[in-house]
Amino acid sequence: MDEEIKQMFEDHERRIKILEGKPLEQKKPESNKKDYKGLAGGIRLIIDNEFLKDPKTVNEIVAELKREGYHHSVAPVSKMLSVDFTKNKKVLNRIMEGKVWKYVLRK
């Protein structure tokens, strides 16, 4: 039994020396391509395309999302803009012009 344990330790030592001699595997850098899935991804896409550098209404944003292939109704878009992108992530500002809320990128 002692001989088996000694052999096992020698085998482990040999494996460790082999592993220590090799350089660690380098991780590939992630690509700059962002994930534009779902409604939040669509909004990130139009933000990255600088669509919101000027104030836009929710209806204008919905129209742009549809043009980009994201088909969502006004209610979820409005909630995503006001809660996620304005309150939580603080990417957008919401301003009142007339009686209509408009969204614009924060500076």
PDB file of N, CA and C in Angstrom:
ATOM      1  N   MET A   1       0.826  -1.190   0.000  1.00  0.00           N
ATOM      2  CA  MET A   1       0.000   0.000   0.000  1.00  0.00           C
ATOM      3  C   MET A   1       0.871   1.254   0.000  1.00  0.00           C
ATOM      4  N   ASP A   2       1.946   1.241   0.775  1.00  0.00           N
ATOM      5  CA  ASP A   2       2.839   2.390   0.827  1.00  0.00           C
ATOM      6  C   ASP A   2       3.483   2.646  -0.529  1.00  0.00           C
ATOM      7  N   GLU A   3       3.791   1.597  -1.246  1.00  0.00           N
ATOM      8  CA  GLU A   3       4.406   1.736  -2.573  1.00  0.00           C
ATOM      9  C   GLU A   3       3.430   2.386  -3.561  1.00  0.00           C
ATOM     10  N   GLU A   4       2.158   2.065  -3.447  1.00  0.00           N
ATOM     11  CA  GLU A   4       1.139   2.660  -4.329  1.00  0.00           C
ATOM     12  C   GLU A   4       1.008   4.156  -4.065  1.00  0.00           C
ATOM     13  N   ILE A   5       1.007   4.533  -2.795  1.00  0.00           N
ATOM     14  CA  ILE A   5       0.894   5.949  -2.427  1.00  0.00           C
ATOM     15  C   ILE A   5       2.122   6.710  -2.898  1.00  0.00           C
ATOM     16  N   LYS A   6       3.306   6.110  -2.713  1.00  0.00           N
ATOM     17  CA  LYS A   6       4.548   6.738  -3.164  1.00  0.00           C
ATOM     18  C   LYS A   6       4.515   6.934  -4.680  1.00  0.00           C
ATOM     19  N   GLN A   7       4.046   5.941  -5.410  1.00  0.00           N
ATOM     20  CA  GLN A   7       3.958   6.032  -6.863  1.00  0.00           C
ATOM     21  C   GLN A   7       2.964   7.130  -7.277  1.00  0.00           C
ATOM     22  N   MET A   8       1.859   7.220  -6.538  1.00  0.00           N
ATOM     23  CA  MET A   8       0.855   8.240  -6.838  1.00  0.00           C
ATOM     24  C   MET A   8       1.434   9.642  -6.620  1.00  0.00           C
ATOM     25  N   PHE A   9       2.164   9.850  -5.515  1.00  0.00           N
ATOM     26  CA  PHE A   9       2.787  11.141  -5.260  1.00  0.00           C
ATOM     27  C   PHE A   9       3.813  11.490  -6.336  1.00  0.00           C
ATOM     28  N   GLU A  10       4.602  10.533  -6.753  1.00  0.00           N
ATOM     29  CA  GLU A  10       5.597  10.777  -7.806  1.00  0.00           C
ATOM     30  C   GLU A  10       4.907  11.148  -9.119  1.00  0.00           C
ATOM     31  N   ASP A  11       3.809  10.476  -9.389  1.00  0.00           N
ATOM     32  CA  ASP A  11       3.056  10.777 -10.605  1.00  0.00           C
ATOM     33  C   ASP A  11       2.495  12.207 -10.552  1.00  0.00           C
ATOM     34  N   HIS A  12       1.985  12.586  -9.399  1.00  0.00           N
ATOM     35  CA  HIS A  12       1.460  13.952  -9.235  1.00  0.00           C
ATOM     36  C   HIS A  12       2.578  14.985  -9.367  1.00  0.00           C
ATOM     37  N   GLU A  13       3.722  14.703  -8.762  1.00  0.00           N
ATOM     38  CA  GLU A  13       4.864  15.612  -8.864  1.00  0.00           C
ATOM     39  C   GLU A  13       5.277  15.800 -10.329  1.00  0.00           C
ATOM     40  N   ARG A  14       5.311  14.695 -11.068  1.00  0.00           N
ATOM     41  CA  ARG A  14       5.681  14.763 -12.481  1.00  0.00           C
ATOM     42  C   ARG A  14       4.678  15.619 -13.258  1.00  0.00           C
ATOM     43  N   ARG A  15       3.403  15.431 -12.993  1.00  0.00           N
ATOM     44  CA  ARG A  15       2.361  16.215 -13.673  1.00  0.00           C
ATOM     45  C   ARG A  15       2.462  17.693 -13.333  1.00  0.00           C
ATOM     46  N   ILE A  16       2.725  18.005 -12.076  1.00  0.00           N
ATOM     47  CA  ILE A  16       2.849  19.404 -11.656  1.00  0.00           C
ATOM     48  C   ILE A  16       4.033  20.060 -12.349  1.00  0.00           C
ATOM     49  N   LYS A  17       5.160  19.357 -12.432  1.00  0.00           N
ATOM     50  CA  LYS A  17       6.334  19.918 -13.111  1.00  0.00           C
ATOM     51  C   LYS A  17       6.038  20.177 -14.582  1.00  0.00           C
ATOM     52  N   ILE A  18       5.317  19.275 -15.209  1.00  0.00           N
ATOM     53  CA  ILE A  18       4.955  19.474 -16.622  1.00  0.00           C
ATOM     54  C   ILE A  18       4.056  20.699 -16.760  1.00  0.00           C
ATOM     55  N   LEU A  19       3.073  20.799 -15.884  1.00  0.00           N
ATOM     56  CA  LEU A  19       2.144  21.933 -15.951  1.00  0.00           C
ATOM     57  C   LEU A  19       2.839  23.261 -15.647  1.00  0.00           C
ATOM     58  N   GLU A  20       3.754  23.262 -14.693  1.00  0.00           N
ATOM     59  CA  GLU A  20       4.462  24.491 -14.349  1.00  0.00           C
ATOM     60  C   GLU A  20       5.386  24.937 -15.472  1.00  0.00           C
ATOM     61  N   GLY A  21       5.855  24.015 -16.260  1.00  0.00           N
ATOM     62  CA  GLY A  21       6.752  24.353 -17.350  1.00  0.00           C
ATOM     63  C   GLY A  21       6.044  24.989 -18.538  1.00  0.00           C
ATOM     64  N   LYS A  22       4.746  24.752 -18.651  1.00  0.00           N
ATOM     65  CA  LYS A  22       3.988  25.302 -19.776  1.00  0.00           C
ATOM     66  C   LYS A  22       3.434  26.665 -19.399  1.00  0.00           C
ATOM     67  N   PRO A  23       3.416  27.612 -20.364  1.00  0.00           N
ATOM     68  CA  PRO A  23       2.787  28.906 -20.076  1.00  0.00           C
ATOM     69  C   PRO A  23       1.278  28.721 -19.926  1.00  0.00           C
ATOM     70  N   LEU A  24       0.705  29.546 -19.088  1.00  0.00           N
ATOM     71  CA  LEU A  24      -0.739  29.461 -18.891  1.00  0.00           C
ATOM     72  C   LEU A  24      -1.461  29.833 -20.177  1.00  0.00           C
ATOM     73  N   GLU A  25      -2.573  29.176 -20.398  1.00  0.00           N
ATOM     74  CA  GLU A  25      -3.361  29.454 -21.604  1.00  0.00           C
ATOM     75  C   GLU A  25      -3.958  30.847 -21.494  1.00  0.00           C
ATOM     76  N   GLN A  26      -3.707  31.656 -22.496  1.00  0.00           N
ATOM     77  CA  GLN A  26      -4.198  33.028 -22.511  1.00  0.00           C
ATOM     78  C   GLN A  26      -5.646  33.044 -22.974  1.00  0.00           C
ATOM     79  N   LYS A  27      -6.460  33.867 -22.315  1.00  0.00           N
ATOM     80  CA  LYS A  27      -7.840  34.028 -22.751  1.00  0.00           C
ATOM     81  C   LYS A  27      -7.871  34.935 -23.964  1.00  0.00           C
ATOM     82  N   LYS A  28      -8.751  34.617 -24.895  1.00  0.00           N
ATOM     83  CA  LYS A  28      -8.896  35.466 -26.069  1.00  0.00           C
ATOM     84  C   LYS A  28      -9.626  36.732 -25.659  1.00  0.00           C
ATOM     85  N   PRO A  29      -9.166  37.893 -26.150  1.00  0.00           N
ATOM     86  CA  PRO A  29      -9.873  39.122 -25.793  1.00  0.00           C
ATOM     87  C   PRO A  29     -11.259  39.115 -26.417  1.00  0.00           C
ATOM     88  N   GLU A  30     -12.210  39.626 -25.650  1.00  0.00           N
ATOM     89  CA  GLU A  30     -13.573  39.674 -26.161  1.00  0.00           C
ATOM     90  C   GLU A  30     -13.645  40.687 -27.293  1.00  0.00           C
ATOM     91  N   SER A  31     -14.496  40.379 -28.250  1.00  0.00           N
ATOM     92  CA  SER A  31     -14.648  41.294 -29.374  1.00  0.00           C
ATOM     93  C   SER A  31     -15.414  42.527 -28.917  1.00  0.00           C
ATOM     94  N   ASN A  32     -15.307  43.583 -29.663  1.00  0.00           N
ATOM     95  CA  ASN A  32     -15.982  44.827 -29.332  1.00  0.00           C
ATOM     96  C   ASN A  32     -17.463  44.791 -29.697  1.00  0.00           C
ATOM     97  N   LYS A  33     -17.886  43.724 -30.348  1.00  0.00           N
ATOM     98  CA  LYS A  33     -19.280  43.603 -30.743  1.00  0.00           C
ATOM     99  C   LYS A  33     -20.142  43.429 -29.497  1.00  0.00           C
ATOM    100  N   LYS A  34     -21.113  44.293 -29.344  1.00  0.00           N
ATOM    101  CA  LYS A  34     -21.979  44.238 -28.179  1.00  0.00           C
ATOM    102  C   LYS A  34     -23.164  43.327 -28.446  1.00  0.00           C
ATOM    103  N   ASP A  35     -23.822  42.964 -27.379  1.00  0.00           N
ATOM    104  CA  ASP A  35     -24.982  42.098 -27.448  1.00  0.00           C
ATOM    105  C   ASP A  35     -26.229  42.980 -27.567  1.00  0.00           C
ATOM    106  N   TYR A  36     -26.897  42.898 -28.695  1.00  0.00           N
ATOM    107  CA  TYR A  36     -28.075  43.725 -28.943  1.00  0.00           C
ATOM    108  C   TYR A  36     -29.336  42.875 -28.976  1.00  0.00           C
ATOM    109  N   LYS A  37     -29.496  41.961 -28.012  1.00  0.00           N
ATOM    110  CA  LYS A  37     -30.666  41.099 -27.976  1.00  0.00           C
ATOM    111  C   LYS A  37     -31.765  41.725 -27.136  1.00  0.00           C
ATOM    112  N   GLY A  38     -32.995  41.545 -27.562  1.00  0.00           N
ATOM    113  CA  GLY A  38     -34.147  42.004 -26.804  1.00  0.00           C
ATOM    114  C   GLY A  38     -34.353  43.503 -26.893  1.00  0.00           C
ATOM    115  N   LEU A  39     -35.319  43.970 -26.131  1.00  0.00           N
ATOM    116  CA  LEU A  39     -35.661  45.390 -26.142  1.00  0.00           C
ATOM    117  C   LEU A  39     -34.505  46.253 -25.634  1.00  0.00           C
ATOM    118  N   ALA A  40     -33.884  45.843 -24.538  1.00  0.00           N
ATOM    119  CA  ALA A  40     -32.755  46.621 -24.003  1.00  0.00           C
ATOM    120  C   ALA A  40     -31.619  46.679 -25.021  1.00  0.00           C
ATOM    121  N   GLY A  41     -31.392  45.586 -25.726  1.00  0.00           N
ATOM    122  CA  GLY A  41     -30.362  45.568 -26.763  1.00  0.00           C
ATOM    123  C   GLY A  41     -30.694  46.512 -27.898  1.00  0.00           C
ATOM    124  N   GLY A  42     -31.960  46.567 -28.278  1.00  0.00           N
ATOM    125  CA  GLY A  42     -32.381  47.503 -29.325  1.00  0.00           C
ATOM    126  C   GLY A  42     -32.161  48.944 -28.913  1.00  0.00           C
ATOM    127  N   ILE A  43     -32.474  49.245 -27.666  1.00  0.00           N
ATOM    128  CA  ILE A  43     -32.256  50.616 -27.173  1.00  0.00           C
ATOM    129  C   ILE A  43     -30.764  50.922 -27.118  1.00  0.00           C
ATOM    130  N   ARG A  44     -29.941  49.950 -26.678  1.00  0.00           N
ATOM    131  CA  ARG A  44     -28.483  50.163 -26.694  1.00  0.00           C
ATOM    132  C   ARG A  44     -27.983  50.398 -28.112  1.00  0.00           C
ATOM    133  N   LEU A  45     -28.569  49.690 -29.082  1.00  0.00           N
ATOM    134  CA  LEU A  45     -28.166  49.856 -30.477  1.00  0.00           C
ATOM    135  C   LEU A  45     -28.433  51.271 -30.962  1.00  0.00           C
ATOM    136  N   ILE A  46     -29.630  51.792 -30.703  1.00  0.00           N
ATOM    137  CA  ILE A  46     -29.914  53.149 -31.187  1.00  0.00           C
ATOM    138  C   ILE A  46     -29.131  54.199 -30.399  1.00  0.00           C
ATOM    139  N   ILE A  47     -28.790  53.887 -29.145  1.00  0.00           N
ATOM    140  CA  ILE A  47     -27.923  54.796 -28.379  1.00  0.00           C
ATOM    141  C   ILE A  47     -26.528  54.804 -29.002  1.00  0.00           C
ATOM    142  N   ASP A  48     -26.003  53.622 -29.323  1.00  0.00           N
ATOM    143  CA  ASP A  48     -24.678  53.533 -29.936  1.00  0.00           C
ATOM    144  C   ASP A  48     -24.647  54.170 -31.320  1.00  0.00           C
ATOM    145  N   ASN A  49     -25.777  54.154 -32.020  1.00  0.00           N
ATOM    146  CA  ASN A  49     -25.869  54.791 -33.339  1.00  0.00           C
ATOM    147  C   ASN A  49     -26.130  56.286 -33.227  1.00  0.00           C
ATOM    148  N   GLU A  50     -26.103  56.835 -32.006  1.00  0.00           N
ATOM    149  CA  GLU A  50     -26.273  58.255 -31.702  1.00  0.00           C
ATOM    150  C   GLU A  50     -27.631  58.798 -32.111  1.00  0.00           C
ATOM    151  N   PHE A  51     -28.644  57.939 -32.122  1.00  0.00           N
ATOM    152  CA  PHE A  51     -29.997  58.395 -32.438  1.00  0.00           C
ATOM    153  C   PHE A  51     -30.525  59.316 -31.351  1.00  0.00           C
ATOM    154  N   LEU A  52     -30.117  59.103 -30.116  1.00  0.00           N
ATOM    155  CA  LEU A  52     -30.640  59.888 -29.002  1.00  0.00           C
ATOM    156  C   LEU A  52     -29.725  61.031 -28.583  1.00  0.00           C
ATOM    157  N   LYS A  53     -28.895  61.518 -29.509  1.00  0.00           N
ATOM    158  CA  LYS A  53     -28.072  62.673 -29.155  1.00  0.00           C
ATOM    159  C   LYS A  53     -28.924  63.948 -29.097  1.00  0.00           C
ATOM    160  N   ASP A  54     -30.079  63.927 -29.767  1.00  0.00           N
ATOM    161  CA  ASP A  54     -31.067  65.001 -29.681  1.00  0.00           C
ATOM    162  C   ASP A  54     -32.316  64.442 -29.006  1.00  0.00           C
ATOM    163  N   PRO A  55     -33.072  65.271 -28.284  1.00  0.00           N
ATOM    164  CA  PRO A  55     -34.261  64.767 -27.591  1.00  0.00           C
ATOM    165  C   PRO A  55     -35.271  64.132 -28.551  1.00  0.00           C
ATOM    166  N   LYS A  56     -35.771  62.947 -28.166  1.00  0.00           N
ATOM    167  CA  LYS A  56     -36.743  62.209 -28.981  1.00  0.00           C
ATOM    168  C   LYS A  56     -37.890  61.750 -28.092  1.00  0.00           C
ATOM    169  N   THR A  57     -39.100  61.723 -28.669  1.00  0.00           N
ATOM    170  CA  THR A  57     -40.262  61.212 -27.953  1.00  0.00           C
ATOM    171  C   THR A  57     -40.242  59.691 -27.985  1.00  0.00           C
ATOM    172  N   VAL A  58     -41.078  59.089 -27.155  1.00  0.00           N
ATOM    173  CA  VAL A  58     -41.174  57.633 -27.119  1.00  0.00           C
ATOM    174  C   VAL A  58     -41.632  57.109 -28.480  1.00  0.00           C
ATOM    175  N   ASN A  59     -42.578  57.801 -29.117  1.00  0.00           N
ATOM    176  CA  ASN A  59     -43.071  57.354 -30.426  1.00  0.00           C
ATOM    177  C   ASN A  59     -41.963  57.387 -31.486  1.00  0.00           C
ATOM    178  N   GLU A  60     -41.095  58.390 -31.440  1.00  0.00           N
ATOM    179  CA  GLU A  60     -39.972  58.447 -32.373  1.00  0.00           C
ATOM    180  C   GLU A  60     -38.998  57.293 -32.110  1.00  0.00           C
ATOM    181  N   ILE A  61     -38.799  56.972 -30.837  1.00  0.00           N
ATOM    182  CA  ILE A  61     -37.894  55.878 -30.466  1.00  0.00           C
ATOM    183  C   ILE A  61     -38.474  54.545 -30.912  1.00  0.00           C
ATOM    184  N   VAL A  62     -39.786  54.360 -30.719  1.00  0.00           N
ATOM    185  CA  VAL A  62     -40.441  53.126 -31.161  1.00  0.00           C
ATOM    186  C   VAL A  62     -40.312  52.974 -32.671  1.00  0.00           C
ATOM    187  N   ALA A  63     -40.494  54.061 -33.407  1.00  0.00           N
ATOM    188  CA  ALA A  63     -40.367  54.024 -34.876  1.00  0.00           C
ATOM    189  C   ALA A  63     -38.945  53.646 -35.286  1.00  0.00           C
ATOM    190  N   GLU A  64     -37.949  54.198 -34.607  1.00  0.00           N
ATOM    191  CA  GLU A  64     -36.552  53.869 -34.925  1.00  0.00           C
ATOM    192  C   GLU A  64     -36.245  52.414 -34.586  1.00  0.00           C
ATOM    193  N   LEU A  65     -36.765  51.933 -33.468  1.00  0.00           N
ATOM    194  CA  LEU A  65     -36.579  50.526 -33.114  1.00  0.00           C
ATOM    195  C   LEU A  65     -37.182  49.614 -34.171  1.00  0.00           C
ATOM    196  N   LYS A  66     -38.373  49.957 -34.656  1.00  0.00           N
ATOM    197  CA  LYS A  66     -39.009  49.158 -35.712  1.00  0.00           C
ATOM    198  C   LYS A  66     -38.172  49.190 -36.982  1.00  0.00           C
ATOM    199  N   ARG A  67     -37.597  50.339 -37.290  1.00  0.00           N
ATOM    200  CA  ARG A  67     -36.740  50.449 -38.471  1.00  0.00           C
ATOM    201  C   ARG A  67     -35.520  49.545 -38.338  1.00  0.00           C
ATOM    202  N   GLU A  68     -35.039  49.365 -37.109  1.00  0.00           N
ATOM    203  CA  GLU A  68     -33.883  48.506 -36.850  1.00  0.00           C
ATOM    204  C   GLU A  68     -34.271  47.038 -36.679  1.00  0.00           C
ATOM    205  N   GLY A  69     -35.585  46.750 -36.691  1.00  0.00           N
ATOM    206  CA  GLY A  69     -36.030  45.361 -36.604  1.00  0.00           C
ATOM    207  C   GLY A  69     -36.494  44.921 -35.226  1.00  0.00           C
ATOM    208  N   TYR A  70     -36.672  45.856 -34.303  1.00  0.00           N
ATOM    209  CA  TYR A  70     -37.149  45.549 -32.960  1.00  0.00           C
ATOM    210  C   TYR A  70     -38.600  46.018 -32.863  1.00  0.00           C
ATOM    211  N   HIS A  71     -39.531  45.089 -32.851  1.00  0.00           N
ATOM    212  CA  HIS A  71     -40.952  45.425 -32.880  1.00  0.00           C
ATOM    213  C   HIS A  71     -41.544  45.261 -31.485  1.00  0.00           C
ATOM    214  N   HIS A  72     -41.682  46.391 -30.797  1.00  0.00           N
ATOM    215  CA  HIS A  72     -42.251  46.418 -29.448  1.00  0.00           C
ATOM    216  C   HIS A  72     -43.264  47.547 -29.380  1.00  0.00           C
ATOM    217  N   SER A  73     -44.260  47.389 -28.511  1.00  0.00           N
ATOM    218  CA  SER A  73     -45.261  48.442 -28.352  1.00  0.00           C
ATOM    219  C   SER A  73     -44.712  49.580 -27.498  1.00  0.00           C
ATOM    220  N   VAL A  74     -45.493  50.640 -27.406  1.00  0.00           N
ATOM    221  CA  VAL A  74     -45.041  51.854 -26.728  1.00  0.00           C
ATOM    222  C   VAL A  74     -44.835  51.632 -25.227  1.00  0.00           C
ATOM    223  N   ALA A  75     -45.731  50.891 -24.576  1.00  0.00           N
ATOM    224  CA  ALA A  75     -45.675  50.744 -23.111  1.00  0.00           C
ATOM    225  C   ALA A  75     -44.364  50.124 -22.619  1.00  0.00           C
ATOM    226  N   PRO A  76     -43.937  48.974 -23.146  1.00  0.00           N
ATOM    227  CA  PRO A  76     -42.668  48.430 -22.633  1.00  0.00           C
ATOM    228  C   PRO A  76     -41.456  49.287 -22.985  1.00  0.00           C
ATOM    229  N   VAL A  77     -41.497  49.941 -24.136  1.00  0.00           N
ATOM    230  CA  VAL A  77     -40.382  50.825 -24.514  1.00  0.00           C
ATOM    231  C   VAL A  77     -40.308  51.990 -23.541  1.00  0.00           C
ATOM    232  N   SER A  78     -41.461  52.578 -23.242  1.00  0.00           N
ATOM    233  CA  SER A  78     -41.504  53.703 -22.312  1.00  0.00           C
ATOM    234  C   SER A  78     -40.996  53.302 -20.931  1.00  0.00           C
ATOM    235  N   LYS A  79     -41.421  52.135 -20.452  1.00  0.00           N
ATOM    236  CA  LYS A  79     -40.976  51.678 -19.132  1.00  0.00           C
ATOM    237  C   LYS A  79     -39.478  51.396 -19.125  1.00  0.00           C
ATOM    238  N   MET A  80     -38.989  50.749 -20.175  1.00  0.00           N
ATOM    239  CA  MET A  80     -37.555  50.437 -20.258  1.00  0.00           C
ATOM    240  C   MET A  80     -36.730  51.724 -20.270  1.00  0.00           C
ATOM    241  N   LEU A  81     -37.192  52.726 -21.009  1.00  0.00           N
ATOM    242  CA  LEU A  81     -36.471  53.996 -21.077  1.00  0.00           C
ATOM    243  C   LEU A  81     -36.465  54.701 -19.725  1.00  0.00           C
ATOM    244  N   SER A  82     -37.641  54.813 -19.104  1.00  0.00           N
ATOM    245  CA  SER A  82     -37.731  55.603 -17.871  1.00  0.00           C
ATOM    246  C   SER A  82     -37.110  54.894 -16.670  1.00  0.00           C
ATOM    247  N   VAL A  83     -37.280  53.576 -16.572  1.00  0.00           N
ATOM    248  CA  VAL A  83     -36.773  52.874 -15.391  1.00  0.00           C
ATOM    249  C   VAL A  83     -35.318  52.439 -15.584  1.00  0.00           C
ATOM    250  N   ASP A  84     -35.068  51.649 -16.617  1.00  0.00           N
ATOM    251  CA  ASP A  84     -33.735  51.060 -16.778  1.00  0.00           C
ATOM    252  C   ASP A  84     -32.685  52.057 -17.245  1.00  0.00           C
ATOM    253  N   PHE A  85     -32.984  52.801 -18.291  1.00  0.00           N
ATOM    254  CA  PHE A  85     -31.956  53.653 -18.890  1.00  0.00           C
ATOM    255  C   PHE A  85     -31.877  55.047 -18.262  1.00  0.00           C
ATOM    256  N   THR A  86     -32.934  55.491 -17.580  1.00  0.00           N
ATOM    257  CA  THR A  86     -32.893  56.810 -16.953  1.00  0.00           C
ATOM    258  C   THR A  86     -32.594  56.703 -15.462  1.00  0.00           C
ATOM    259  N   LYS A  87     -33.361  55.876 -14.745  1.00  0.00           N
ATOM    260  CA  LYS A  87     -33.176  55.778 -13.293  1.00  0.00           C
ATOM    261  C   LYS A  87     -31.997  54.884 -12.905  1.00  0.00           C
ATOM    262  N   ASN A  88     -31.982  53.656 -13.412  1.00  0.00           N
ATOM    263  CA  ASN A  88     -30.991  52.682 -12.947  1.00  0.00           C
ATOM    264  C   ASN A  88     -29.616  52.877 -13.574  1.00  0.00           C
ATOM    265  N   LYS A  89     -29.533  52.854 -14.897  1.00  0.00           N
ATOM    266  CA  LYS A  89     -28.236  52.932 -15.571  1.00  0.00           C
ATOM    267  C   LYS A  89     -27.744  54.355 -15.746  1.00  0.00           C
ATOM    268  N   LYS A  90     -28.661  55.314 -15.677  1.00  0.00           N
ATOM    269  CA  LYS A  90     -28.341  56.741 -15.823  1.00  0.00           C
ATOM    270  C   LYS A  90     -27.610  57.038 -17.135  1.00  0.00           C
ATOM    271  N   VAL A  91     -28.122  56.455 -18.212  1.00  0.00           N
ATOM    272  CA  VAL A  91     -27.568  56.686 -19.541  1.00  0.00           C
ATOM    273  C   VAL A  91     -28.307  57.825 -20.223  1.00  0.00           C
ATOM    274  N   LEU A  92     -29.609  57.934 -19.934  1.00  0.00           N
ATOM    275  CA  LEU A  92     -30.449  58.929 -20.588  1.00  0.00           C
ATOM    276  C   LEU A  92     -30.995  59.926 -19.576  1.00  0.00           C
ATOM    277  N   ASN A  93     -31.344  61.099 -20.076  1.00  0.00           N
ATOM    278  CA  ASN A  93     -32.095  62.091 -19.307  1.00  0.00           C
ATOM    279  C   ASN A  93     -33.487  62.158 -19.880  1.00  0.00           C
ATOM    280  N   ARG A  94     -34.475  62.401 -19.020  1.00  0.00           N
ATOM    281  CA  ARG A  94     -35.846  62.568 -19.456  1.00  0.00           C
ATOM    282  C   ARG A  94     -36.226  64.014 -19.208  1.00  0.00           C
ATOM    283  N   ILE A  95     -36.626  64.698 -20.258  1.00  0.00           N
ATOM    284  CA  ILE A  95     -36.972  66.116 -20.134  1.00  0.00           C
ATOM    285  C   ILE A  95     -38.388  66.336 -20.652  1.00  0.00           C
ATOM    286  N   MET A  96     -39.072  67.319 -20.073  1.00  0.00           N
ATOM    287  CA  MET A  96     -40.437  67.648 -20.486  1.00  0.00           C
ATOM    288  C   MET A  96     -40.370  68.817 -21.452  1.00  0.00           C
ATOM    289  N   GLU A  97     -40.854  68.597 -22.668  1.00  0.00           N
ATOM    290  CA  GLU A  97     -40.963  69.673 -23.653  1.00  0.00           C
ATOM    291  C   GLU A  97     -42.424  69.787 -24.026  1.00  0.00           C
ATOM    292  N   GLY A  98     -43.021  70.918 -23.685  1.00  0.00           N
ATOM    293  CA  GLY A  98     -44.464  71.056 -23.867  1.00  0.00           C
ATOM    294  C   GLY A  98     -45.144  70.147 -22.861  1.00  0.00           C
ATOM    295  N   LYS A  99     -45.944  69.218 -23.362  1.00  0.00           N
ATOM    296  CA  LYS A  99     -46.574  68.248 -22.476  1.00  0.00           C
ATOM    297  C   LYS A  99     -46.104  66.834 -22.780  1.00  0.00           C
ATOM    298  N   VAL A 100     -44.942  66.727 -23.409  1.00  0.00           N
ATOM    299  CA  VAL A 100     -44.434  65.434 -23.857  1.00  0.00           C
ATOM    300  C   VAL A 100     -43.050  65.188 -23.254  1.00  0.00           C
ATOM    301  N   TRP A 101     -42.841  63.962 -22.733  1.00  0.00           N
ATOM    302  CA  TRP A 101     -41.522  63.583 -22.256  1.00  0.00           C
ATOM    303  C   TRP A 101     -40.642  63.221 -23.448  1.00  0.00           C
ATOM    304  N   LYS A 102     -39.392  63.678 -23.397  1.00  0.00           N
ATOM    305  CA  LYS A 102     -38.414  63.333 -24.421  1.00  0.00           C
ATOM    306  C   LYS A 102     -37.173  62.774 -23.726  1.00  0.00           C
ATOM    307  N   TYR A 103     -36.484  61.890 -24.432  1.00  0.00           N
ATOM    308  CA  TYR A 103     -35.283  61.235 -23.900  1.00  0.00           C
ATOM    309  C   TYR A 103     -34.077  61.651 -24.722  1.00  0.00           C
ATOM    310  N   VAL A 104     -32.973  61.874 -24.026  1.00  0.00           N
ATOM    311  CA  VAL A 104     -31.740  62.307 -24.664  1.00  0.00           C
ATOM    312  C   VAL A 104     -30.560  61.730 -23.882  1.00  0.00           C
ATOM    313  N   LEU A 105     -29.431  61.531 -24.554  1.00  0.00           N
ATOM    314  CA  LEU A 105     -28.230  61.023 -23.893  1.00  0.00           C
ATOM    315  C   LEU A 105     -27.740  61.997 -22.830  1.00  0.00           C
ATOM    316  N   ARG A 106     -27.264  61.454 -21.723  1.00  0.00           N
ATOM    317  CA  ARG A 106     -26.638  62.307 -20.697  1.00  0.00           C
ATOM    318  C   ARG A 106     -25.274  62.738 -21.192  1.00  0.00           C
ATOM    319  N   LYS A 107     -24.892  63.905 -20.826  1.00  0.00           N
ATOM    320  CA  LYS A 107     -23.566  64.410 -21.216  1.00  0.00           C
ATOM    321  C   LYS A 107     -22.628  64.315 -20.053  1.00  0.00           C
TER     322      LYS A 107
END
